[in-house]
């Protein structure tokens, strides 16, 4: 597997990881952030989209995943092509939707631990 870019320092079991993988497993884009909002920050999104268009343009069958590194909660979405993710507004919308799902799980997990 060719790891295209790791945007920031590896967070040992802290923060969040956004990963886009071609289903052939030959290309991967990985971004780490201490906060979910960092994954859809303007500079981060532009960086990821640049890597997508440079290295994965028109790849068929890609997966977008976001993982909470501290508890392992992960949400994965499949796309028939990387082209759909090249639109900045659509890409940010997808990240925010996945982030909201992860936040929902985190809130549920906290309720269980406090009850």
PDB file of N, CA and C in Angstrom:
ATOM      1  N   UNK A   1       0.852  -1.181   0.000  1.00  0.00           N
ATOM      2  CA  UNK A   1       0.000   0.000   0.000  1.00  0.00           C
ATOM      3  C   UNK A   1       0.893   1.237   0.000  1.00  0.00           C
ATOM      4  N   UNK A   2       0.578   2.180  -0.833  1.00  0.00           N
ATOM      5  CA  UNK A   2       1.351   3.409  -0.970  1.00  0.00           C
ATOM      6  C   UNK A   2       0.695   4.499  -0.137  1.00  0.00           C
ATOM      7  N   UNK A   3       1.308   4.873   0.968  1.00  0.00           N
ATOM      8  CA  UNK A   3       0.749   5.905   1.830  1.00  0.00           C
ATOM      9  C   UNK A   3       1.139   7.261   1.266  1.00  0.00           C
ATOM     10  N   UNK A   4       0.189   7.967   0.668  1.00  0.00           N
ATOM     11  CA  UNK A   4       0.469   9.194  -0.067  1.00  0.00           C
ATOM     12  C   UNK A   4       0.927  10.318   0.843  1.00  0.00           C
ATOM     13  N   UNK A   5       0.235  10.546   1.935  1.00  0.00           N
ATOM     14  CA  UNK A   5       0.585  11.694   2.781  1.00  0.00           C
ATOM     15  C   UNK A   5       0.038  11.486   4.177  1.00  0.00           C
ATOM     16  N   UNK A   6       0.814  11.864   5.144  1.00  0.00           N
ATOM     17  CA  UNK A   6       0.325  11.922   6.505  1.00  0.00           C
ATOM     18  C   UNK A   6       0.496  13.364   6.920  1.00  0.00           C
ATOM     19  N   UNK A   7      -0.629  14.070   7.064  1.00  0.00           N
ATOM     20  CA  UNK A   7      -0.640  15.521   7.211  1.00  0.00           C
ATOM     21  C   UNK A   7      -0.046  16.002   8.530  1.00  0.00           C
ATOM     22  N   UNK A   8      -0.210  15.248   9.586  1.00  0.00           N
ATOM     23  CA  UNK A   8       0.279  15.726  10.873  1.00  0.00           C
ATOM     24  C   UNK A   8       0.875  14.573  11.662  1.00  0.00           C
ATOM     25  N   UNK A   9       1.375  14.900  12.823  1.00  0.00           N
ATOM     26  CA  UNK A   9       2.011  13.919  13.681  1.00  0.00           C
ATOM     27  C   UNK A   9       1.017  12.823  14.045  1.00  0.00           C
ATOM     28  N   UNK A  10       1.505  11.601  14.115  1.00  0.00           N
ATOM     29  CA  UNK A  10       0.668  10.475  14.517  1.00  0.00           C
ATOM     30  C   UNK A  10       0.180  10.715  15.945  1.00  0.00           C
ATOM     31  N   UNK A  11      -1.112  10.566  16.157  1.00  0.00           N
ATOM     32  CA  UNK A  11      -1.707  10.782  17.476  1.00  0.00           C
ATOM     33  C   UNK A  11      -1.895   9.422  18.130  1.00  0.00           C
ATOM     34  N   UNK A  12      -1.048   9.082  19.079  1.00  0.00           N
ATOM     35  CA  UNK A  12      -1.168   7.801  19.746  1.00  0.00           C
ATOM     36  C   UNK A  12      -2.458   7.745  20.545  1.00  0.00           C
ATOM     37  N   UNK A  13      -3.459   7.109  19.949  1.00  0.00           N
ATOM     38  CA  UNK A  13      -4.754   6.882  20.590  1.00  0.00           C
ATOM     39  C   UNK A  13      -5.448   8.167  21.002  1.00  0.00           C
ATOM     40  N   UNK A  14      -5.188   9.259  20.294  1.00  0.00           N
ATOM     41  CA  UNK A  14      -5.860  10.525  20.564  1.00  0.00           C
ATOM     42  C   UNK A  14      -6.325  11.110  19.251  1.00  0.00           C
ATOM     43  N   UNK A  15      -7.385  11.872  19.296  1.00  0.00           N
ATOM     44  CA  UNK A  15      -7.843  12.577  18.115  1.00  0.00           C
ATOM     45  C   UNK A  15      -8.575  11.690  17.129  1.00  0.00           C
ATOM     46  N   UNK A  16      -8.600  12.150  15.888  1.00  0.00           N
ATOM     47  CA  UNK A  16      -9.385  11.517  14.838  1.00  0.00           C
ATOM     48  C   UNK A  16      -8.533  11.317  13.597  1.00  0.00           C
ATOM     49  N   UNK A  17      -8.881  10.286  12.845  1.00  0.00           N
ATOM     50  CA  UNK A  17      -8.173  10.002  11.605  1.00  0.00           C
ATOM     51  C   UNK A  17      -9.168   9.935  10.457  1.00  0.00           C
ATOM     52  N   UNK A  18      -8.896  10.682   9.405  1.00  0.00           N
ATOM     53  CA  UNK A  18      -9.661  10.611   8.167  1.00  0.00           C
ATOM     54  C   UNK A  18      -8.798   9.846   7.175  1.00  0.00           C
ATOM     55  N   UNK A  19      -9.408   8.863   6.532  1.00  0.00           N
ATOM     56  CA  UNK A  19      -8.655   8.050   5.587  1.00  0.00           C
ATOM     57  C   UNK A  19      -9.498   7.846   4.335  1.00  0.00           C
ATOM     58  N   UNK A  20      -8.872   8.032   3.187  1.00  0.00           N
ATOM     59  CA  UNK A  20      -9.495   7.704   1.912  1.00  0.00           C
ATOM     60  C   UNK A  20      -8.624   6.633   1.277  1.00  0.00           C
ATOM     61  N   UNK A  21      -9.254   5.514   0.937  1.00  0.00           N
ATOM     62  CA  UNK A  21      -8.522   4.366   0.422  1.00  0.00           C
ATOM     63  C   UNK A  21      -9.143   3.927  -0.891  1.00  0.00           C
ATOM     64  N   UNK A  22      -8.310   3.674  -1.881  1.00  0.00           N
ATOM     65  CA  UNK A  22      -8.823   3.043  -3.092  1.00  0.00           C
ATOM     66  C   UNK A  22      -9.058   1.578  -2.740  1.00  0.00           C
ATOM     67  N   UNK A  23     -10.150   1.018  -3.206  1.00  0.00           N
ATOM     68  CA  UNK A  23     -10.477  -0.363  -2.833  1.00  0.00           C
ATOM     69  C   UNK A  23      -9.459  -1.363  -3.362  1.00  0.00           C
ATOM     70  N   UNK A  24      -8.673  -0.956  -4.347  1.00  0.00           N
ATOM     71  CA  UNK A  24      -7.583  -1.823  -4.801  1.00  0.00           C
ATOM     72  C   UNK A  24      -6.471  -1.850  -3.755  1.00  0.00           C
ATOM     73  N   UNK A  25      -6.517  -0.883  -2.835  1.00  0.00           N
ATOM     74  CA  UNK A  25      -5.542  -0.826  -1.751  1.00  0.00           C
ATOM     75  C   UNK A  25      -4.207  -0.231  -2.140  1.00  0.00           C
ATOM     76  N   UNK A  26      -4.128   0.338  -3.329  1.00  0.00           N
ATOM     77  CA  UNK A  26      -2.844   0.859  -3.793  1.00  0.00           C
ATOM     78  C   UNK A  26      -2.592   2.302  -3.392  1.00  0.00           C
ATOM     79  N   UNK A  27      -3.637   3.080  -3.133  1.00  0.00           N
ATOM     80  CA  UNK A  27      -3.468   4.478  -2.739  1.00  0.00           C
ATOM     81  C   UNK A  27      -4.256   4.768  -1.469  1.00  0.00           C
ATOM     82  N   UNK A  28      -3.650   5.574  -0.612  1.00  0.00           N
ATOM     83  CA  UNK A  28      -4.293   5.971   0.635  1.00  0.00           C
ATOM     84  C   UNK A  28      -3.934   7.419   0.933  1.00  0.00           C
ATOM     85  N   UNK A  29      -4.925   8.177   1.392  1.00  0.00           N
ATOM     86  CA  UNK A  29      -4.698   9.523   1.910  1.00  0.00           C
ATOM     87  C   UNK A  29      -5.104   9.476   3.376  1.00  0.00           C
ATOM     88  N   UNK A  30      -4.214   9.887   4.279  1.00  0.00           N
ATOM     89  CA  UNK A  30      -4.488   9.840   5.717  1.00  0.00           C
ATOM     90  C   UNK A  30      -4.230  11.216   6.314  1.00  0.00           C
ATOM     91  N   UNK A  31      -5.193  11.689   7.097  1.00  0.00           N
ATOM     92  CA  UNK A  31      -5.078  12.964   7.804  1.00  0.00           C
ATOM     93  C   UNK A  31      -5.447  12.713   9.262  1.00  0.00           C
ATOM     94  N   UNK A  32      -4.673  13.271  10.177  1.00  0.00           N
ATOM     95  CA  UNK A  32      -4.979  13.166  11.602  1.00  0.00           C
ATOM     96  C   UNK A  32      -5.224  14.545  12.180  1.00  0.00           C
ATOM     97  N   UNK A  33      -6.152  14.612  13.140  1.00  0.00           N
ATOM     98  CA  UNK A  33      -6.474  15.865  13.801  1.00  0.00           C
ATOM     99  C   UNK A  33      -6.901  15.565  15.234  1.00  0.00           C
ATOM    100  N   UNK A  34      -6.557  16.461  16.154  1.00  0.00           N
ATOM    101  CA  UNK A  34      -6.999  16.273  17.530  1.00  0.00           C
ATOM    102  C   UNK A  34      -8.496  16.503  17.677  1.00  0.00           C
ATOM    103  N   UNK A  35      -9.107  17.269  16.777  1.00  0.00           N
ATOM    104  CA  UNK A  35     -10.541  17.565  16.846  1.00  0.00           C
ATOM    105  C   UNK A  35     -11.208  17.214  15.527  1.00  0.00           C
ATOM    106  N   UNK A  36     -12.479  16.815  15.586  1.00  0.00           N
ATOM    107  CA  UNK A  36     -13.228  16.514  14.364  1.00  0.00           C
ATOM    108  C   UNK A  36     -13.274  17.706  13.420  1.00  0.00           C
ATOM    109  N   UNK A  37     -13.417  18.905  13.974  1.00  0.00           N
ATOM    110  CA  UNK A  37     -13.504  20.104  13.140  1.00  0.00           C
ATOM    111  C   UNK A  37     -12.244  20.293  12.301  1.00  0.00           C
ATOM    112  N   UNK A  38     -11.132  19.817  12.793  1.00  0.00           N
ATOM    113  CA  UNK A  38      -9.886  19.922  12.044  1.00  0.00           C
ATOM    114  C   UNK A  38      -9.902  19.125  10.754  1.00  0.00           C
ATOM    115  N   UNK A  39     -10.753  18.093  10.687  1.00  0.00           N
ATOM    116  CA  UNK A  39     -10.829  17.270   9.485  1.00  0.00           C
ATOM    117  C   UNK A  39     -11.553  17.965   8.343  1.00  0.00           C
ATOM    118  N   UNK A  40     -12.404  18.946   8.675  1.00  0.00           N
ATOM    119  CA  UNK A  40     -13.074  19.675   7.589  1.00  0.00           C
ATOM    120  C   UNK A  40     -12.689  21.155   7.567  1.00  0.00           C
ATOM    121  N   UNK A  41     -11.563  21.482   8.199  1.00  0.00           N
ATOM    122  CA  UNK A  41     -11.022  22.839   8.105  1.00  0.00           C
ATOM    123  C   UNK A  41     -10.616  23.096   6.653  1.00  0.00           C
ATOM    124  N   UNK A  42     -10.732  24.333   6.230  1.00  0.00           N
ATOM    125  CA  UNK A  42     -10.506  24.699   4.835  1.00  0.00           C
ATOM    126  C   UNK A  42      -9.152  24.217   4.301  1.00  0.00           C
ATOM    127  N   UNK A  43      -8.071  24.471   5.033  1.00  0.00           N
ATOM    128  CA  UNK A  43      -6.739  24.057   4.573  1.00  0.00           C
ATOM    129  C   UNK A  43      -6.621  22.536   4.471  1.00  0.00           C
ATOM    130  N   UNK A  44      -7.199  21.834   5.437  1.00  0.00           N
ATOM    131  CA  UNK A  44      -7.156  20.374   5.423  1.00  0.00           C
ATOM    132  C   UNK A  44      -7.902  19.826   4.221  1.00  0.00           C
ATOM    133  N   UNK A  45      -9.102  20.351   3.984  1.00  0.00           N
ATOM    134  CA  UNK A  45      -9.915  19.880   2.858  1.00  0.00           C
ATOM    135  C   UNK A  45      -9.194  20.138   1.535  1.00  0.00           C
ATOM    136  N   UNK A  46      -8.620  21.318   1.383  1.00  0.00           N
ATOM    137  CA  UNK A  46      -7.885  21.625   0.145  1.00  0.00           C
ATOM    138  C   UNK A  46      -6.701  20.673  -0.038  1.00  0.00           C
ATOM    139  N   UNK A  47      -6.011  20.377   1.051  1.00  0.00           N
ATOM    140  CA  UNK A  47      -4.875  19.454   1.007  1.00  0.00           C
ATOM    141  C   UNK A  47      -5.327  18.060   0.556  1.00  0.00           C
ATOM    142  N   UNK A  48      -6.399  17.566   1.156  1.00  0.00           N
ATOM    143  CA  UNK A  48      -6.906  16.235   0.809  1.00  0.00           C
ATOM    144  C   UNK A  48      -7.368  16.200  -0.642  1.00  0.00           C
ATOM    145  N   UNK A  49      -8.106  17.220  -1.064  1.00  0.00           N
ATOM    146  CA  UNK A  49      -8.591  17.244  -2.447  1.00  0.00           C
ATOM    147  C   UNK A  49      -7.438  17.319  -3.440  1.00  0.00           C
ATOM    148  N   UNK A  50      -6.387  18.034  -3.092  1.00  0.00           N
ATOM    149  CA  UNK A  50      -5.209  18.071  -3.962  1.00  0.00           C
ATOM    150  C   UNK A  50      -4.615  16.669  -4.108  1.00  0.00           C
ATOM    151  N   UNK A  51      -4.502  15.958  -2.994  1.00  0.00           N
ATOM    152  CA  UNK A  51      -3.967  14.594  -3.030  1.00  0.00           C
ATOM    153  C   UNK A  51      -4.888  13.669  -3.807  1.00  0.00           C
ATOM    154  N   UNK A  52      -6.194  13.852  -3.645  1.00  0.00           N
ATOM    155  CA  UNK A  52      -7.153  13.028  -4.389  1.00  0.00           C
ATOM    156  C   UNK A  52      -7.000  13.220  -5.890  1.00  0.00           C
ATOM    157  N   UNK A  53      -6.970  14.477  -6.313  1.00  0.00           N
ATOM    158  CA  UNK A  53      -6.898  14.739  -7.750  1.00  0.00           C
ATOM    159  C   UNK A  53      -5.534  14.371  -8.321  1.00  0.00           C
ATOM    160  N   UNK A  54      -4.485  14.492  -7.526  1.00  0.00           N
ATOM    161  CA  UNK A  54      -3.143  14.162  -8.011  1.00  0.00           C
ATOM    162  C   UNK A  54      -2.897  12.663  -8.089  1.00  0.00           C
ATOM    163  N   UNK A  55      -3.420  11.935  -7.119  1.00  0.00           N
ATOM    164  CA  UNK A  55      -3.033  10.532  -6.983  1.00  0.00           C
ATOM    165  C   UNK A  55      -4.160   9.519  -7.125  1.00  0.00           C
ATOM    166  N   UNK A  56      -5.397   9.951  -6.982  1.00  0.00           N
ATOM    167  CA  UNK A  56      -6.501   9.001  -7.032  1.00  0.00           C
ATOM    168  C   UNK A  56      -7.561   9.421  -8.036  1.00  0.00           C
ATOM    169  N   UNK A  57      -7.247  10.357  -8.891  1.00  0.00           N
ATOM    170  CA  UNK A  57      -8.254  10.892  -9.796  1.00  0.00           C
ATOM    171  C   UNK A  57      -8.900   9.780 -10.612  1.00  0.00           C
ATOM    172  N   UNK A  58     -10.199   9.733 -10.536  1.00  0.00           N
ATOM    173  CA  UNK A  58     -11.035   8.784 -11.282  1.00  0.00           C
ATOM    174  C   UNK A  58     -10.832   7.334 -10.852  1.00  0.00           C
ATOM    175  N   UNK A  59     -10.296   7.105  -9.671  1.00  0.00           N
ATOM    176  CA  UNK A  59     -10.199   5.740  -9.167  1.00  0.00           C
ATOM    177  C   UNK A  59     -11.605   5.234  -8.892  1.00  0.00           C
ATOM    178  N   UNK A  60     -11.817   3.989  -9.222  1.00  0.00           N
ATOM    179  CA  UNK A  60     -13.109   3.375  -8.950  1.00  0.00           C
ATOM    180  C   UNK A  60     -13.090   2.774  -7.557  1.00  0.00           C
ATOM    181  N   UNK A  61     -14.246   2.801  -6.926  1.00  0.00           N
ATOM    182  CA  UNK A  61     -14.424   2.200  -5.612  1.00  0.00           C
ATOM    183  C   UNK A  61     -13.415   2.709  -4.590  1.00  0.00           C
ATOM    184  N   UNK A  62     -13.789   3.791  -3.925  1.00  0.00           N
ATOM    185  CA  UNK A  62     -12.977   4.336  -2.844  1.00  0.00           C
ATOM    186  C   UNK A  62     -13.794   4.343  -1.560  1.00  0.00           C
ATOM    187  N   UNK A  63     -13.097   4.312  -0.439  1.00  0.00           N
ATOM    188  CA  UNK A  63     -13.740   4.362   0.870  1.00  0.00           C
ATOM    189  C   UNK A  63     -13.249   5.588   1.619  1.00  0.00           C
ATOM    190  N   UNK A  64     -14.173   6.256   2.293  1.00  0.00           N
ATOM    191  CA  UNK A  64     -13.861   7.369   3.181  1.00  0.00           C
ATOM    192  C   UNK A  64     -14.190   6.894   4.583  1.00  0.00           C
ATOM    193  N   UNK A  65     -13.221   6.959   5.484  1.00  0.00           N
ATOM    194  CA  UNK A  65     -13.487   6.563   6.866  1.00  0.00           C
ATOM    195  C   UNK A  65     -12.963   7.627   7.809  1.00  0.00           C
ATOM    196  N   UNK A  66     -13.662   7.758   8.926  1.00  0.00           N
ATOM    197  CA  UNK A  66     -13.205   8.604  10.022  1.00  0.00           C
ATOM    198  C   UNK A  66     -13.243   7.739  11.269  1.00  0.00           C
ATOM    199  N   UNK A  67     -12.145   7.775  12.026  1.00  0.00           N
ATOM    200  CA  UNK A  67     -12.011   6.948  13.218  1.00  0.00           C
ATOM    201  C   UNK A  67     -11.641   7.812  14.406  1.00  0.00           C
ATOM    202  N   UNK A  68     -12.306   7.572  15.546  1.00  0.00           N
ATOM    203  CA  UNK A  68     -11.898   8.164  16.812  1.00  0.00           C
ATOM    204  C   UNK A  68     -10.778   7.272  17.335  1.00  0.00           C
ATOM    205  N   UNK A  69      -9.564   7.789  17.370  1.00  0.00           N
ATOM    206  CA  UNK A  69      -8.412   6.978  17.757  1.00  0.00           C
ATOM    207  C   UNK A  69      -8.438   6.540  19.212  1.00  0.00           C
ATOM    208  N   UNK A  70      -9.154   7.255  20.076  1.00  0.00           N
ATOM    209  CA  UNK A  70      -9.144   6.905  21.498  1.00  0.00           C
ATOM    210  C   UNK A  70     -10.093   5.767  21.837  1.00  0.00           C
ATOM    211  N   UNK A  71     -11.212   5.629  21.101  1.00  0.00           N
ATOM    212  CA  UNK A  71     -12.154   4.562  21.437  1.00  0.00           C
ATOM    213  C   UNK A  71     -12.433   3.605  20.282  1.00  0.00           C
ATOM    214  N   UNK A  72     -11.861   3.869  19.118  1.00  0.00           N
ATOM    215  CA  UNK A  72     -11.999   2.954  17.993  1.00  0.00           C
ATOM    216  C   UNK A  72     -13.274   3.090  17.185  1.00  0.00           C
ATOM    217  N   UNK A  73     -14.165   4.014  17.569  1.00  0.00           N
ATOM    218  CA  UNK A  73     -15.388   4.213  16.794  1.00  0.00           C
ATOM    219  C   UNK A  73     -14.996   4.677  15.399  1.00  0.00           C
ATOM    220  N   UNK A  74     -15.520   3.979  14.390  1.00  0.00           N
ATOM    221  CA  UNK A  74     -15.162   4.283  13.017  1.00  0.00           C
ATOM    222  C   UNK A  74     -16.403   4.207  12.136  1.00  0.00           C
ATOM    223  N   UNK A  75     -16.522   5.137  11.212  1.00  0.00           N
ATOM    224  CA  UNK A  75     -17.613   5.136  10.238  1.00  0.00           C
ATOM    225  C   UNK A  75     -16.975   5.138   8.858  1.00  0.00           C
ATOM    226  N   UNK A  76     -17.455   4.239   8.001  1.00  0.00           N
ATOM    227  CA  UNK A  76     -16.907   4.085   6.656  1.00  0.00           C
ATOM    228  C   UNK A  76     -18.019   4.272   5.640  1.00  0.00           C
ATOM    229  N   UNK A  77     -17.718   5.015   4.585  1.00  0.00           N
ATOM    230  CA  UNK A  77     -18.638   5.162   3.457  1.00  0.00           C
ATOM    231  C   UNK A  77     -17.904   4.764   2.183  1.00  0.00           C
ATOM    232  N   UNK A  78     -18.615   4.052   1.326  1.00  0.00           N
ATOM    233  CA  UNK A  78     -18.063   3.629   0.042  1.00  0.00           C
ATOM    234  C   UNK A  78     -18.604   4.508  -1.069  1.00  0.00           C
ATOM    235  N   UNK A  79     -17.777   4.753  -2.073  1.00  0.00           N
ATOM    236  CA  UNK A  79     -18.160   5.555  -3.235  1.00  0.00           C
ATOM    237  C   UNK A  79     -17.730   4.811  -4.494  1.00  0.00           C
ATOM    238  N   UNK A  80     -18.544   4.858  -5.540  1.00  0.00           N
ATOM    239  CA  UNK A  80     -18.189   4.155  -6.773  1.00  0.00           C
ATOM    240  C   UNK A  80     -16.983   4.771  -7.485  1.00  0.00           C
ATOM    241  N   UNK A  81     -16.646   6.019  -7.146  1.00  0.00           N
ATOM    242  CA  UNK A  81     -15.527   6.706  -7.787  1.00  0.00           C
ATOM    243  C   UNK A  81     -15.050   7.840  -6.886  1.00  0.00           C
ATOM    244  N   UNK A  82     -13.774   8.179  -6.990  1.00  0.00           N
ATOM    245  CA  UNK A  82     -13.243   9.308  -6.226  1.00  0.00           C
ATOM    246  C   UNK A  82     -13.731  10.642  -6.778  1.00  0.00           C
ATOM    247  N   UNK A  83     -14.260  10.640  -7.999  1.00  0.00           N
ATOM    248  CA  UNK A  83     -14.727  11.875  -8.638  1.00  0.00           C
ATOM    249  C   UNK A  83     -15.786  12.567  -7.782  1.00  0.00           C
ATOM    250  N   UNK A  84     -16.654  11.797  -7.165  1.00  0.00           N
ATOM    251  CA  UNK A  84     -17.725  12.373  -6.342  1.00  0.00           C
ATOM    252  C   UNK A  84     -17.173  13.181  -5.166  1.00  0.00           C
ATOM    253  N   UNK A  85     -16.023  12.784  -4.669  1.00  0.00           N
ATOM    254  CA  UNK A  85     -15.428  13.478  -3.528  1.00  0.00           C
ATOM    255  C   UNK A  85     -14.630  14.706  -3.939  1.00  0.00           C
ATOM    256  N   UNK A  86     -14.404  14.896  -5.226  1.00  0.00           N
ATOM    257  CA  UNK A  86     -13.605  16.031  -5.696  1.00  0.00           C
ATOM    258  C   UNK A  86     -14.313  17.372  -5.552  1.00  0.00           C
ATOM    259  N   UNK A  87     -15.624  17.369  -5.393  1.00  0.00           N
ATOM    260  CA  UNK A  87     -16.373  18.606  -5.178  1.00  0.00           C
ATOM    261  C   UNK A  87     -16.212  19.007  -3.716  1.00  0.00           C
ATOM    262  N   UNK A  88     -15.626  20.174  -3.472  1.00  0.00           N
ATOM    263  CA  UNK A  88     -15.293  20.594  -2.103  1.00  0.00           C
ATOM    264  C   UNK A  88     -16.522  20.659  -1.202  1.00  0.00           C
ATOM    265  N   UNK A  89     -17.644  21.170  -1.710  1.00  0.00           N
ATOM    266  CA  UNK A  89     -18.853  21.272  -0.887  1.00  0.00           C
ATOM    267  C   UNK A  89     -19.397  19.896  -0.532  1.00  0.00           C
ATOM    268  N   UNK A  90     -19.407  18.993  -1.495  1.00  0.00           N
ATOM    269  CA  UNK A  90     -19.886  17.634  -1.232  1.00  0.00           C
ATOM    270  C   UNK A  90     -18.951  16.923  -0.248  1.00  0.00           C
ATOM    271  N   UNK A  91     -17.651  17.104  -0.433  1.00  0.00           N
ATOM    272  CA  UNK A  91     -16.671  16.455   0.433  1.00  0.00           C
ATOM    273  C   UNK A  91     -16.832  16.915   1.884  1.00  0.00           C
ATOM    274  N   UNK A  92     -16.951  18.224   2.089  1.00  0.00           N
ATOM    275  CA  UNK A  92     -17.140  18.765   3.444  1.00  0.00           C
ATOM    276  C   UNK A  92     -18.448  18.251   4.042  1.00  0.00           C
ATOM    277  N   UNK A  93     -19.499  18.204   3.241  1.00  0.00           N
ATOM    278  CA  UNK A  93     -20.798  17.690   3.711  1.00  0.00           C
ATOM    279  C   UNK A  93     -20.661  16.236   4.170  1.00  0.00           C
ATOM    280  N   UNK A  94     -19.959  15.426   3.402  1.00  0.00           N
ATOM    281  CA  UNK A  94     -19.753  14.023   3.768  1.00  0.00           C
ATOM    282  C   UNK A  94     -18.978  13.905   5.083  1.00  0.00           C
ATOM    283  N   UNK A  95     -17.917  14.683   5.222  1.00  0.00           N
ATOM    284  CA  UNK A  95     -17.126  14.642   6.458  1.00  0.00           C
ATOM    285  C   UNK A  95     -17.985  15.043   7.652  1.00  0.00           C
ATOM    286  N   UNK A  96     -18.776  16.102   7.509  1.00  0.00           N
ATOM    287  CA  UNK A  96     -19.619  16.567   8.616  1.00  0.00           C
ATOM    288  C   UNK A  96     -20.680  15.535   8.976  1.00  0.00           C
ATOM    289  N   UNK A  97     -21.260  14.867   7.982  1.00  0.00           N
ATOM    290  CA  UNK A  97     -22.256  13.828   8.269  1.00  0.00           C
ATOM    291  C   UNK A  97     -21.628  12.672   9.039  1.00  0.00           C
ATOM    292  N   UNK A  98     -20.462  12.247   8.612  1.00  0.00           N
ATOM    293  CA  UNK A  98     -19.773  11.166   9.323  1.00  0.00           C
ATOM    294  C   UNK A  98     -19.377  11.624  10.727  1.00  0.00           C
ATOM    295  N   UNK A  99     -18.895  12.859  10.855  1.00  0.00           N
ATOM    296  CA  UNK A  99     -18.521  13.398  12.169  1.00  0.00           C
ATOM    297  C   UNK A  99     -19.721  13.402  13.110  1.00  0.00           C
ATOM    298  N   UNK A 100     -20.901  13.765  12.615  1.00  0.00           N
ATOM    299  CA  UNK A 100     -22.107  13.762  13.449  1.00  0.00           C
ATOM    300  C   UNK A 100     -22.475  12.355  13.899  1.00  0.00           C
ATOM    301  N   UNK A 101     -22.285  11.374  13.041  1.00  0.00           N
ATOM    302  CA  UNK A 101     -22.545   9.981  13.435  1.00  0.00           C
ATOM    303  C   UNK A 101     -21.590   9.576  14.552  1.00  0.00           C
ATOM    304  N   UNK A 102     -20.324   9.908  14.404  1.00  0.00           N
ATOM    305  CA  UNK A 102     -19.332   9.575  15.431  1.00  0.00           C
ATOM    306  C   UNK A 102     -19.661  10.278  16.741  1.00  0.00           C
ATOM    307  N   UNK A 103     -20.033  11.555  16.672  1.00  0.00           N
ATOM    308  CA  UNK A 103     -20.414  12.286  17.889  1.00  0.00           C
ATOM    309  C   UNK A 103     -21.608  11.633  18.568  1.00  0.00           C
ATOM    310  N   UNK A 104     -22.567  11.156  17.790  1.00  0.00           N
ATOM    311  CA  UNK A 104     -23.727  10.459  18.353  1.00  0.00           C
ATOM    312  C   UNK A 104     -23.315   9.211  19.116  1.00  0.00           C
ATOM    313  N   UNK A 105     -22.405   8.441  18.557  1.00  0.00           N
ATOM    314  CA  UNK A 105     -21.895   7.260  19.255  1.00  0.00           C
ATOM    315  C   UNK A 105     -21.151   7.654  20.525  1.00  0.00           C
ATOM    316  N   UNK A 106     -20.373   8.727  20.458  1.00  0.00           N
ATOM    317  CA  UNK A 106     -19.612   9.166  21.625  1.00  0.00           C
ATOM    318  C   UNK A 106     -20.539   9.605  22.752  1.00  0.00           C
ATOM    319  N   UNK A 107     -21.612  10.318  22.416  1.00  0.00           N
ATOM    320  CA  UNK A 107     -22.587  10.741  23.424  1.00  0.00           C
ATOM    321  C   UNK A 107     -23.245   9.513  24.040  1.00  0.00           C
ATOM    322  N   UNK A 108     -23.615   8.554  23.211  1.00  0.00           N
ATOM    323  CA  UNK A 108     -24.214   7.319  23.711  1.00  0.00           C
ATOM    324  C   UNK A 108     -23.267   6.556  24.611  1.00  0.00           C
ATOM    325  N   UNK A 109     -22.011   6.523  24.245  1.00  0.00           N
ATOM    326  CA  UNK A 109     -21.001   5.840  25.048  1.00  0.00           C
ATOM    327  C   UNK A 109     -20.828   6.521  26.404  1.00  0.00           C
ATOM    328  N   UNK A 110     -20.833   7.858  26.418  1.00  0.00           N
ATOM    329  CA  UNK A 110     -20.716   8.597  27.679  1.00  0.00           C
ATOM    330  C   UNK A 110     -21.911   8.332  28.582  1.00  0.00           C
ATOM    331  N   UNK A 111     -23.124   8.282  28.015  1.00  0.00           N
ATOM    332  CA  UNK A 111     -24.324   8.021  28.818  1.00  0.00           C
ATOM    333  C   UNK A 111     -24.237   6.655  29.477  1.00  0.00           C
ATOM    334  N   UNK A 112     -23.751   5.671  28.744  1.00  0.00           N
ATOM    335  CA  UNK A 112     -23.637   4.320  29.290  1.00  0.00           C
ATOM    336  C   UNK A 112     -22.654   4.305  30.454  1.00  0.00           C
ATOM    337  N   UNK A 113     -21.543   5.008  30.316  1.00  0.00           N
ATOM    338  CA  UNK A 113     -20.534   5.023  31.373  1.00  0.00           C
ATOM    339  C   UNK A 113     -20.991   5.797  32.607  1.00  0.00           C
ATOM    340  N   UNK A 114     -21.886   6.769  32.432  1.00  0.00           N
ATOM    341  CA  UNK A 114     -22.340   7.576  33.564  1.00  0.00           C
ATOM    342  C   UNK A 114     -23.610   7.041  34.211  1.00  0.00           C
ATOM    343  N   UNK A 115     -24.307   6.134  33.559  1.00  0.00           N
ATOM    344  CA  UNK A 115     -25.565   5.604  34.128  1.00  0.00           C
ATOM    345  C   UNK A 115     -25.337   4.482  35.084  1.00  0.00           C
TER     346      UNK A 115
END
